[in-house]
């Protein structure tokens, strides 16, 4: 496959030694009348036609100049043309993602300690990284309200008195594979101003330290509302959801059977399509 692309004139890069390239990125550079413009896509899912039919994912298509510059820099890093690992808006593993998460969590801690409302909502495939888990425990003890939507492995224990009283963990299991990573920090963009990130990185040591990953901030209010809508539906689900207890046991949520995440998100997508039609 790679050799056939090379024969067609494509430049195939096999990655960096010691690091798996796991980020999902695309960029088109166009020479337009007003100058060079970069169109970029940063997603949570693979560019795979088969899994796209069964995986739940999100992505951002943007012409933001800073994000375009960041992707150019990252592609140059991957191809060996640059060693610069400083980015304007992206969080990139293994260089800035871990520290960026720690800063965002600590900002919520400081907000809670000041007496203002603070909250963290994280949607991912797995939560394993011990340093991140410890930071979330500290945030809970400071009074930060934390909701975690974890499809697979979760090594954090919620609801433990004095440790994780303010943390709730749930998993959605249904028709589609929950695959997107959506991270929301209630005060990440300033007091009372939420900060949203999407991308390829779960909160595992391999994603933070041993892979090339990319997370992008979603800044447009309309798009933030779409991400909040997904999180709200996930947290309201009482059909597909399972909740993790302090004893480490998962219990199926059966509060009334009114919100099925996958059906509800389908309905919302159809409503948007009808409005546009």
C-alpha atoms as a PDB file:
ATOM      1  CA  UNK A   1       0.000   0.000   0.000  1.00  0.00           C
ATOM      2  CA  UNK A   2       2.684   2.490   1.015  1.00  0.00           C
ATOM      3  CA  UNK A   3       4.840   1.621  -2.002  1.00  0.00           C
ATOM      4  CA  UNK A   4       1.912   2.113  -4.374  1.00  0.00           C
ATOM      5  CA  UNK A   5       1.397   5.592  -2.894  1.00  0.00           C
ATOM      6  CA  UNK A   6       5.073   6.373  -3.353  1.00  0.00           C
ATOM      7  CA  UNK A   7       4.880   5.335  -7.002  1.00  0.00           C
ATOM      8  CA  UNK A   8       1.916   7.725  -7.368  1.00  0.00           C
ATOM      9  CA  UNK A   9       4.082  10.598  -6.161  1.00  0.00           C
ATOM     10  CA  UNK A  10       3.059  10.619  -2.495  1.00  0.00           C
ATOM     11  CA  UNK A  11       5.589  11.184   0.266  1.00  0.00           C
ATOM     12  CA  UNK A  12       5.032   8.373   2.788  1.00  0.00           C
ATOM     13  CA  UNK A  13       6.461   8.955   6.276  1.00  0.00           C
ATOM     14  CA  UNK A  14       6.724   5.948   8.557  1.00  0.00           C
ATOM     15  CA  UNK A  15       6.792   7.835  11.865  1.00  0.00           C
ATOM     16  CA  UNK A  16       9.278   8.530  14.620  1.00  0.00           C
ATOM     17  CA  UNK A  17      11.449   5.883  16.225  1.00  0.00           C
ATOM     18  CA  UNK A  18      10.066   4.955  19.639  1.00  0.00           C
ATOM     19  CA  UNK A  19       6.758   6.804  19.219  1.00  0.00           C
ATOM     20  CA  UNK A  20       3.519   5.538  17.710  1.00  0.00           C
ATOM     21  CA  UNK A  21       1.807   8.225  15.633  1.00  0.00           C
ATOM     22  CA  UNK A  22      -1.798   8.052  16.877  1.00  0.00           C
ATOM     23  CA  UNK A  23      -3.091  11.575  16.103  1.00  0.00           C
ATOM     24  CA  UNK A  24      -5.808  11.987  13.462  1.00  0.00           C
ATOM     25  CA  UNK A  25      -4.877  15.007  11.363  1.00  0.00           C
ATOM     26  CA  UNK A  26      -5.302  16.295   7.820  1.00  0.00           C
ATOM     27  CA  UNK A  27      -4.252  19.559   6.193  1.00  0.00           C
ATOM     28  CA  UNK A  28      -4.805  21.126   2.774  1.00  0.00           C
ATOM     29  CA  UNK A  29      -2.714  24.175   1.818  1.00  0.00           C
ATOM     30  CA  UNK A  30      -4.192  26.405  -0.898  1.00  0.00           C
ATOM     31  CA  UNK A  31      -2.799  29.391  -2.743  1.00  0.00           C
ATOM     32  CA  UNK A  32      -5.833  31.701  -2.742  1.00  0.00           C
ATOM     33  CA  UNK A  33      -6.223  35.276  -4.063  1.00  0.00           C
ATOM     34  CA  UNK A  34      -5.587  36.743  -0.600  1.00  0.00           C
ATOM     35  CA  UNK A  35      -2.619  34.479   0.101  1.00  0.00           C
ATOM     36  CA  UNK A  36      -1.808  31.014   1.385  1.00  0.00           C
ATOM     37  CA  UNK A  37      -4.551  29.450   3.497  1.00  0.00           C
ATOM     38  CA  UNK A  38      -4.420  26.210   5.463  1.00  0.00           C
ATOM     39  CA  UNK A  39      -7.522  24.078   5.964  1.00  0.00           C
ATOM     40  CA  UNK A  40      -7.098  21.548   8.749  1.00  0.00           C
ATOM     41  CA  UNK A  41      -9.038  18.686  10.275  1.00  0.00           C
ATOM     42  CA  UNK A  42      -8.370  17.316  13.761  1.00  0.00           C
ATOM     43  CA  UNK A  43     -10.450  14.333  14.795  1.00  0.00           C
ATOM     44  CA  UNK A  44     -10.963  11.743  17.478  1.00  0.00           C
ATOM     45  CA  UNK A  45     -11.390   8.812  15.089  1.00  0.00           C
ATOM     46  CA  UNK A  46      -9.379   7.000  12.470  1.00  0.00           C
ATOM     47  CA  UNK A  47      -9.748   7.856   8.800  1.00  0.00           C
ATOM     48  CA  UNK A  48     -11.298   4.448   8.195  1.00  0.00           C
ATOM     49  CA  UNK A  49     -14.474   3.888   6.179  1.00  0.00           C
ATOM     50  CA  UNK A  50     -15.435   0.728   8.083  1.00  0.00           C
ATOM     51  CA  UNK A  51     -15.073   1.956  11.657  1.00  0.00           C
ATOM     52  CA  UNK A  52     -16.685   5.279  10.706  1.00  0.00           C
ATOM     53  CA  UNK A  53     -19.972   3.379  10.412  1.00  0.00           C
ATOM     54  CA  UNK A  54     -19.829   1.948  13.936  1.00  0.00           C
ATOM     55  CA  UNK A  55     -17.663   4.324  15.997  1.00  0.00           C
ATOM     56  CA  UNK A  56     -18.954   7.514  17.604  1.00  0.00           C
ATOM     57  CA  UNK A  57     -16.445  10.299  16.898  1.00  0.00           C
ATOM     58  CA  UNK A  58     -16.162  14.050  16.427  1.00  0.00           C
ATOM     59  CA  UNK A  59     -13.805  16.288  14.476  1.00  0.00           C
ATOM     60  CA  UNK A  60     -13.032  19.928  13.829  1.00  0.00           C
ATOM     61  CA  UNK A  61     -12.598  21.361  10.306  1.00  0.00           C
ATOM     62  CA  UNK A  62     -11.091  24.841  10.518  1.00  0.00           C
ATOM     63  CA  UNK A  63      -9.085  27.491   8.701  1.00  0.00           C
ATOM     64  CA  UNK A  64      -7.869  29.048  11.966  1.00  0.00           C
ATOM     65  CA  UNK A  65      -4.369  30.417  11.153  1.00  0.00           C
ATOM     66  CA  UNK A  66      -2.897  29.442  14.530  1.00  0.00           C
ATOM     67  CA  UNK A  67      -4.162  25.878  14.294  1.00  0.00           C
ATOM     68  CA  UNK A  68      -2.907  25.692  10.706  1.00  0.00           C
ATOM     69  CA  UNK A  69       0.520  26.882  11.836  1.00  0.00           C
ATOM     70  CA  UNK A  70       0.493  24.304  14.627  1.00  0.00           C
ATOM     71  CA  UNK A  71      -0.324  21.475  12.227  1.00  0.00           C
ATOM     72  CA  UNK A  72       2.385  22.610   9.826  1.00  0.00           C
ATOM     73  CA  UNK A  73       4.830  22.541  12.699  1.00  0.00           C
ATOM     74  CA  UNK A  74       3.642  19.116  13.832  1.00  0.00           C
ATOM     75  CA  UNK A  75       3.884  17.652  10.317  1.00  0.00           C
ATOM     76  CA  UNK A  76       7.383  19.118  10.013  1.00  0.00           C
ATOM     77  CA  UNK A  77       8.258  17.462  13.313  1.00  0.00           C
ATOM     78  CA  UNK A  78       6.897  14.109  12.113  1.00  0.00           C
ATOM     79  CA  UNK A  79       8.844  14.307   8.861  1.00  0.00           C
ATOM     80  CA  UNK A  80      12.081  15.346  10.552  1.00  0.00           C
ATOM     81  CA  UNK A  81      12.162  18.871   9.152  1.00  0.00           C
ATOM     82  CA  UNK A  82      11.765  20.549  12.550  1.00  0.00           C
ATOM     83  CA  UNK A  83      12.517  19.884  16.202  1.00  0.00           C
ATOM     84  CA  UNK A  84      10.340  22.745  17.467  1.00  0.00           C
ATOM     85  CA  UNK A  85       7.736  21.359  19.883  1.00  0.00           C
ATOM     86  CA  UNK A  86       6.091  24.629  20.938  1.00  0.00           C
ATOM     87  CA  UNK A  87       2.512  25.090  19.782  1.00  0.00           C
ATOM     88  CA  UNK A  88       0.094  28.026  19.784  1.00  0.00           C
ATOM     89  CA  UNK A  89      -3.180  26.215  20.484  1.00  0.00           C
ATOM     90  CA  UNK A  90      -2.705  22.448  20.221  1.00  0.00           C
ATOM     91  CA  UNK A  91      -1.744  20.123  23.040  1.00  0.00           C
ATOM     92  CA  UNK A  92       0.641  17.567  21.545  1.00  0.00           C
ATOM     93  CA  UNK A  93       1.968  14.381  23.113  1.00  0.00           C
ATOM     94  CA  UNK A  94       4.545  13.520  24.215  1.00  0.00           C
ATOM     95  CA  UNK A  95       5.508  17.165  24.750  1.00  0.00           C
ATOM     96  CA  UNK A  96       2.672  19.342  26.072  1.00  0.00           C
ATOM     97  CA  UNK A  97      -0.463  17.265  26.727  1.00  0.00           C
ATOM     98  CA  UNK A  98       0.377  16.073  30.234  1.00  0.00           C
ATOM     99  CA  UNK A  99       1.438  19.522  31.457  1.00  0.00           C
ATOM    100  CA  UNK A 100      -1.538  21.143  29.725  1.00  0.00           C
ATOM    101  CA  UNK A 101      -3.997  18.854  31.505  1.00  0.00           C
ATOM    102  CA  UNK A 102      -2.354  19.470  34.848  1.00  0.00           C
ATOM    103  CA  UNK A 103      -2.654  23.247  34.342  1.00  0.00           C
ATOM    104  CA  UNK A 104      -6.336  23.003  33.411  1.00  0.00           C
ATOM    105  CA  UNK A 105      -7.145  20.808  36.422  1.00  0.00           C
ATOM    106  CA  UNK A 106      -5.227  23.110  38.780  1.00  0.00           C
ATOM    107  CA  UNK A 107      -7.134  26.123  37.430  1.00  0.00           C
ATOM    108  CA  UNK A 108     -10.395  24.449  38.457  1.00  0.00           C
ATOM    109  CA  UNK A 109      -8.883  23.688  41.872  1.00  0.00           C
ATOM    110  CA  UNK A 110      -7.946  27.343  42.400  1.00  0.00           C
ATOM    111  CA  UNK A 111     -11.415  28.410  41.263  1.00  0.00           C
ATOM    112  CA  UNK A 112     -13.096  26.069  43.737  1.00  0.00           C
ATOM    113  CA  UNK A 113     -10.806  27.185  46.549  1.00  0.00           C
ATOM    114  CA  UNK A 114     -11.807  30.787  45.842  1.00  0.00           C
ATOM    115  CA  UNK A 115     -15.431  29.844  46.442  1.00  0.00           C
ATOM    116  CA  UNK A 116     -16.589  30.011  42.811  1.00  0.00           C
ATOM    117  CA  UNK A 117     -18.254  27.121  40.940  1.00  0.00           C
ATOM    118  CA  UNK A 118     -15.772  24.757  39.292  1.00  0.00           C
ATOM    119  CA  UNK A 119     -16.300  21.687  37.168  1.00  0.00           C
ATOM    120  CA  UNK A 120     -14.612  19.148  34.924  1.00  0.00           C
ATOM    121  CA  UNK A 121     -16.292  16.806  32.433  1.00  0.00           C
ATOM    122  CA  UNK A 122     -14.080  14.306  30.631  1.00  0.00           C
ATOM    123  CA  UNK A 123     -15.221  11.813  27.982  1.00  0.00           C
ATOM    124  CA  UNK A 124     -12.658   9.226  26.884  1.00  0.00           C
ATOM    125  CA  UNK A 125     -11.946   5.583  26.160  1.00  0.00           C
ATOM    126  CA  UNK A 126      -9.721   4.862  29.166  1.00  0.00           C
ATOM    127  CA  UNK A 127      -8.496   6.575  32.332  1.00  0.00           C
ATOM    128  CA  UNK A 128      -5.329   4.898  33.600  1.00  0.00           C
ATOM    129  CA  UNK A 129      -2.664   7.576  34.148  1.00  0.00           C
ATOM    130  CA  UNK A 130      -1.877   7.761  37.865  1.00  0.00           C
ATOM    131  CA  UNK A 131      -0.680  11.373  37.907  1.00  0.00           C
ATOM    132  CA  UNK A 132      -3.883  12.528  36.228  1.00  0.00           C
ATOM    133  CA  UNK A 133      -6.004  10.437  38.586  1.00  0.00           C
ATOM    134  CA  UNK A 134      -4.198  11.945  41.588  1.00  0.00           C
ATOM    135  CA  UNK A 135      -4.840  15.438  40.197  1.00  0.00           C
ATOM    136  CA  UNK A 136      -8.554  14.640  39.825  1.00  0.00           C
ATOM    137  CA  UNK A 137      -8.645  13.358  43.425  1.00  0.00           C
ATOM    138  CA  UNK A 138      -7.094  16.660  44.565  1.00  0.00           C
ATOM    139  CA  UNK A 139      -9.663  18.564  42.541  1.00  0.00           C
ATOM    140  CA  UNK A 140     -12.510  16.607  44.132  1.00  0.00           C
ATOM    141  CA  UNK A 141     -11.142  17.316  47.597  1.00  0.00           C
ATOM    142  CA  UNK A 142     -11.096  21.033  46.711  1.00  0.00           C
ATOM    143  CA  UNK A 143     -14.781  20.858  45.797  1.00  0.00           C
ATOM    144  CA  UNK A 144     -14.570  20.620  41.989  1.00  0.00           C
ATOM    145  CA  UNK A 145     -17.576  18.756  40.561  1.00  0.00           C
ATOM    146  CA  UNK A 146     -16.256  16.084  38.185  1.00  0.00           C
ATOM    147  CA  UNK A 147     -18.136  13.876  35.721  1.00  0.00           C
ATOM    148  CA  UNK A 148     -16.205  11.180  33.875  1.00  0.00           C
ATOM    149  CA  UNK A 149     -17.591   9.246  30.904  1.00  0.00           C
ATOM    150  CA  UNK A 150     -15.195   6.344  30.383  1.00  0.00           C
ATOM    151  CA  UNK A 151     -16.003   3.637  27.865  1.00  0.00           C
ATOM    152  CA  UNK A 152     -13.342   1.140  28.919  1.00  0.00           C
ATOM    153  CA  UNK A 153     -10.790   0.863  31.707  1.00  0.00           C
ATOM    154  CA  UNK A 154     -11.113   3.310  34.607  1.00  0.00           C
ATOM    155  CA  UNK A 155      -8.561   3.108  37.428  1.00  0.00           C
ATOM    156  CA  UNK A 156     -10.071   6.029  39.361  1.00  0.00           C
ATOM    157  CA  UNK A 157     -12.433   5.092  42.187  1.00  0.00           C
ATOM    158  CA  UNK A 158     -15.329   7.568  42.585  1.00  0.00           C
ATOM    159  CA  UNK A 159     -17.444   8.347  45.627  1.00  0.00           C
ATOM    160  CA  UNK A 160     -14.842   7.566  48.306  1.00  0.00           C
ATOM    161  CA  UNK A 161     -15.383   9.722  51.384  1.00  0.00           C
ATOM    162  CA  UNK A 162     -12.709  12.377  51.743  1.00  0.00           C
ATOM    163  CA  UNK A 163     -11.024  11.371  48.498  1.00  0.00           C
ATOM    164  CA  UNK A 164     -13.416  11.401  45.539  1.00  0.00           C
ATOM    165  CA  UNK A 165     -16.752  12.538  46.965  1.00  0.00           C
ATOM    166  CA  UNK A 166     -17.335  14.916  44.043  1.00  0.00           C
ATOM    167  CA  UNK A 167     -16.457  12.482  41.245  1.00  0.00           C
ATOM    168  CA  UNK A 168     -18.985  10.452  39.251  1.00  0.00           C
ATOM    169  CA  UNK A 169     -18.025   7.841  36.640  1.00  0.00           C
ATOM    170  CA  UNK A 170     -20.264   6.339  33.981  1.00  0.00           C
ATOM    171  CA  UNK A 171     -19.874   4.306  30.794  1.00  0.00           C
ATOM    172  CA  UNK A 172     -22.149   4.211  27.739  1.00  0.00           C
ATOM    173  CA  UNK A 173     -22.496   0.798  26.055  1.00  0.00           C
ATOM    174  CA  UNK A 174     -24.788   0.535  23.051  1.00  0.00           C
ATOM    175  CA  UNK A 175     -25.128   0.333  19.284  1.00  0.00           C
ATOM    176  CA  UNK A 176     -22.039   2.432  18.558  1.00  0.00           C
ATOM    177  CA  UNK A 177     -18.556   2.248  20.026  1.00  0.00           C
ATOM    178  CA  UNK A 178     -18.056   5.351  22.178  1.00  0.00           C
ATOM    179  CA  UNK A 179     -14.734   6.529  20.803  1.00  0.00           C
ATOM    180  CA  UNK A 180     -14.573  10.334  20.979  1.00  0.00           C
ATOM    181  CA  UNK A 181     -12.458  12.239  23.471  1.00  0.00           C
ATOM    182  CA  UNK A 182     -14.176  15.424  24.669  1.00  0.00           C
ATOM    183  CA  UNK A 183     -12.672  17.365  27.572  1.00  0.00           C
ATOM    184  CA  UNK A 184     -14.440  20.292  29.251  1.00  0.00           C
ATOM    185  CA  UNK A 185     -13.056  22.567  31.961  1.00  0.00           C
ATOM    186  CA  UNK A 186     -15.653  24.998  33.313  1.00  0.00           C
ATOM    187  CA  UNK A 187     -13.178  27.852  33.852  1.00  0.00           C
ATOM    188  CA  UNK A 188     -10.448  26.867  31.422  1.00  0.00           C
ATOM    189  CA  UNK A 189     -10.854  29.982  29.270  1.00  0.00           C
ATOM    190  CA  UNK A 190     -11.284  32.306  32.251  1.00  0.00           C
ATOM    191  CA  UNK A 191     -13.749  32.709  35.129  1.00  0.00           C
ATOM    192  CA  UNK A 192     -17.058  31.187  34.057  1.00  0.00           C
ATOM    193  CA  UNK A 193     -15.769  30.553  30.534  1.00  0.00           C
ATOM    194  CA  UNK A 194     -15.482  26.868  29.600  1.00  0.00           C
ATOM    195  CA  UNK A 195     -12.604  25.414  27.622  1.00  0.00           C
ATOM    196  CA  UNK A 196     -13.289  22.432  25.332  1.00  0.00           C
ATOM    197  CA  UNK A 197     -10.706  20.094  23.822  1.00  0.00           C
ATOM    198  CA  UNK A 198     -11.168  17.205  21.390  1.00  0.00           C
ATOM    199  CA  UNK A 199      -8.612  14.870  19.860  1.00  0.00           C
ATOM    200  CA  UNK A 200      -6.906  11.519  19.848  1.00  0.00           C
ATOM    201  CA  UNK A 201      -5.433  11.240  23.356  1.00  0.00           C
ATOM    202  CA  UNK A 202      -6.912   9.178  26.150  1.00  0.00           C
ATOM    203  CA  UNK A 203      -5.597   9.708  29.672  1.00  0.00           C
ATOM    204  CA  UNK A 204      -3.141   6.819  29.692  1.00  0.00           C
ATOM    205  CA  UNK A 205       0.665   6.872  30.062  1.00  0.00           C
ATOM    206  CA  UNK A 206       1.080   5.598  26.511  1.00  0.00           C
ATOM    207  CA  UNK A 207      -1.073   8.443  25.104  1.00  0.00           C
ATOM    208  CA  UNK A 208       0.594  11.124  27.184  1.00  0.00           C
ATOM    209  CA  UNK A 209       4.220   9.964  27.031  1.00  0.00           C
ATOM    210  CA  UNK A 210       4.814   7.377  24.289  1.00  0.00           C
ATOM    211  CA  UNK A 211       2.651   8.413  21.349  1.00  0.00           C
ATOM    212  CA  UNK A 212       2.219  11.381  19.060  1.00  0.00           C
ATOM    213  CA  UNK A 213      -1.242  12.710  19.928  1.00  0.00           C
ATOM    214  CA  UNK A 214      -3.026  15.989  19.268  1.00  0.00           C
ATOM    215  CA  UNK A 215      -5.821  17.783  21.110  1.00  0.00           C
ATOM    216  CA  UNK A 216      -7.357  20.941  19.691  1.00  0.00           C
ATOM    217  CA  UNK A 217      -9.403  23.601  21.492  1.00  0.00           C
ATOM    218  CA  UNK A 218     -12.912  24.201  20.161  1.00  0.00           C
ATOM    219  CA  UNK A 219     -13.489  27.934  20.475  1.00  0.00           C
ATOM    220  CA  UNK A 220     -16.637  28.758  18.479  1.00  0.00           C
ATOM    221  CA  UNK A 221     -19.690  29.092  20.789  1.00  0.00           C
ATOM    222  CA  UNK A 222     -21.934  27.184  18.376  1.00  0.00           C
ATOM    223  CA  UNK A 223     -19.517  24.254  18.251  1.00  0.00           C
ATOM    224  CA  UNK A 224     -19.018  24.342  22.000  1.00  0.00           C
ATOM    225  CA  UNK A 225     -22.784  24.067  22.354  1.00  0.00           C
ATOM    226  CA  UNK A 226     -22.729  20.948  20.151  1.00  0.00           C
ATOM    227  CA  UNK A 227     -20.075  19.351  22.361  1.00  0.00           C
ATOM    228  CA  UNK A 228     -21.999  20.327  25.498  1.00  0.00           C
ATOM    229  CA  UNK A 229     -25.092  18.741  23.965  1.00  0.00           C
ATOM    230  CA  UNK A 230     -23.245  15.432  23.554  1.00  0.00           C
ATOM    231  CA  UNK A 231     -21.990  15.524  27.141  1.00  0.00           C
ATOM    232  CA  UNK A 232     -25.445  16.427  28.464  1.00  0.00           C
ATOM    233  CA  UNK A 233     -27.051  13.504  26.627  1.00  0.00           C
ATOM    234  CA  UNK A 234     -24.380  11.108  27.903  1.00  0.00           C
ATOM    235  CA  UNK A 235     -24.901  12.267  31.478  1.00  0.00           C
ATOM    236  CA  UNK A 236     -28.701  12.023  31.210  1.00  0.00           C
ATOM    237  CA  UNK A 237     -28.705   8.503  29.715  1.00  0.00           C
ATOM    238  CA  UNK A 238     -30.753   6.012  31.723  1.00  0.00           C
ATOM    239  CA  UNK A 239     -30.889   3.205  29.130  1.00  0.00           C
ATOM    240  CA  UNK A 240     -27.326   2.446  28.016  1.00  0.00           C
ATOM    241  CA  UNK A 241     -25.395   3.875  30.961  1.00  0.00           C
ATOM    242  CA  UNK A 242     -23.489   2.024  33.670  1.00  0.00           C
ATOM    243  CA  UNK A 243     -22.170   3.758  36.794  1.00  0.00           C
ATOM    244  CA  UNK A 244     -19.040   2.890  38.763  1.00  0.00           C
ATOM    245  CA  UNK A 245     -19.384   2.682  42.529  1.00  0.00           C
ATOM    246  CA  UNK A 246     -16.808   3.161  45.310  1.00  0.00           C
ATOM    247  CA  UNK A 247     -16.605  -0.620  45.646  1.00  0.00           C
ATOM    248  CA  UNK A 248     -15.311  -0.897  42.073  1.00  0.00           C
ATOM    249  CA  UNK A 249     -18.528  -2.485  40.775  1.00  0.00           C
ATOM    250  CA  UNK A 250     -20.386  -1.284  37.690  1.00  0.00           C
ATOM    251  CA  UNK A 251     -24.167  -1.002  38.063  1.00  0.00           C
ATOM    252  CA  UNK A 252     -26.570  -0.606  35.153  1.00  0.00           C
ATOM    253  CA  UNK A 253     -28.544   2.632  35.326  1.00  0.00           C
ATOM    254  CA  UNK A 254     -32.261   1.959  34.936  1.00  0.00           C
ATOM    255  CA  UNK A 255     -33.930   5.123  36.190  1.00  0.00           C
ATOM    256  CA  UNK A 256     -36.850   5.101  33.782  1.00  0.00           C
ATOM    257  CA  UNK A 257     -35.587   4.338  30.321  1.00  0.00           C
ATOM    258  CA  UNK A 258     -36.232   7.732  28.720  1.00  0.00           C
ATOM    259  CA  UNK A 259     -32.804   8.753  27.334  1.00  0.00           C
ATOM    260  CA  UNK A 260     -30.919   6.392  25.023  1.00  0.00           C
ATOM    261  CA  UNK A 261     -27.734   8.254  24.051  1.00  0.00           C
ATOM    262  CA  UNK A 262     -27.363   6.747  20.602  1.00  0.00           C
ATOM    263  CA  UNK A 263     -31.007   7.177  19.643  1.00  0.00           C
ATOM    264  CA  UNK A 264     -31.079  10.721  21.015  1.00  0.00           C
ATOM    265  CA  UNK A 265     -27.959  11.790  19.130  1.00  0.00           C
ATOM    266  CA  UNK A 266     -29.450  10.316  15.929  1.00  0.00           C
ATOM    267  CA  UNK A 267     -32.622  12.321  16.506  1.00  0.00           C
ATOM    268  CA  UNK A 268     -30.668  15.527  17.049  1.00  0.00           C
ATOM    269  CA  UNK A 269     -28.657  14.943  13.869  1.00  0.00           C
ATOM    270  CA  UNK A 270     -31.868  14.384  11.886  1.00  0.00           C
ATOM    271  CA  UNK A 271     -33.376  17.569  13.335  1.00  0.00           C
ATOM    272  CA  UNK A 272     -30.337  19.579  12.228  1.00  0.00           C
ATOM    273  CA  UNK A 273     -30.594  18.069   8.745  1.00  0.00           C
ATOM    274  CA  UNK A 274     -34.283  18.986   8.457  1.00  0.00           C
ATOM    275  CA  UNK A 275     -33.603  22.570   9.544  1.00  0.00           C
ATOM    276  CA  UNK A 276     -30.934  22.939   6.874  1.00  0.00           C
ATOM    277  CA  UNK A 277     -33.193  21.372   4.235  1.00  0.00           C
END
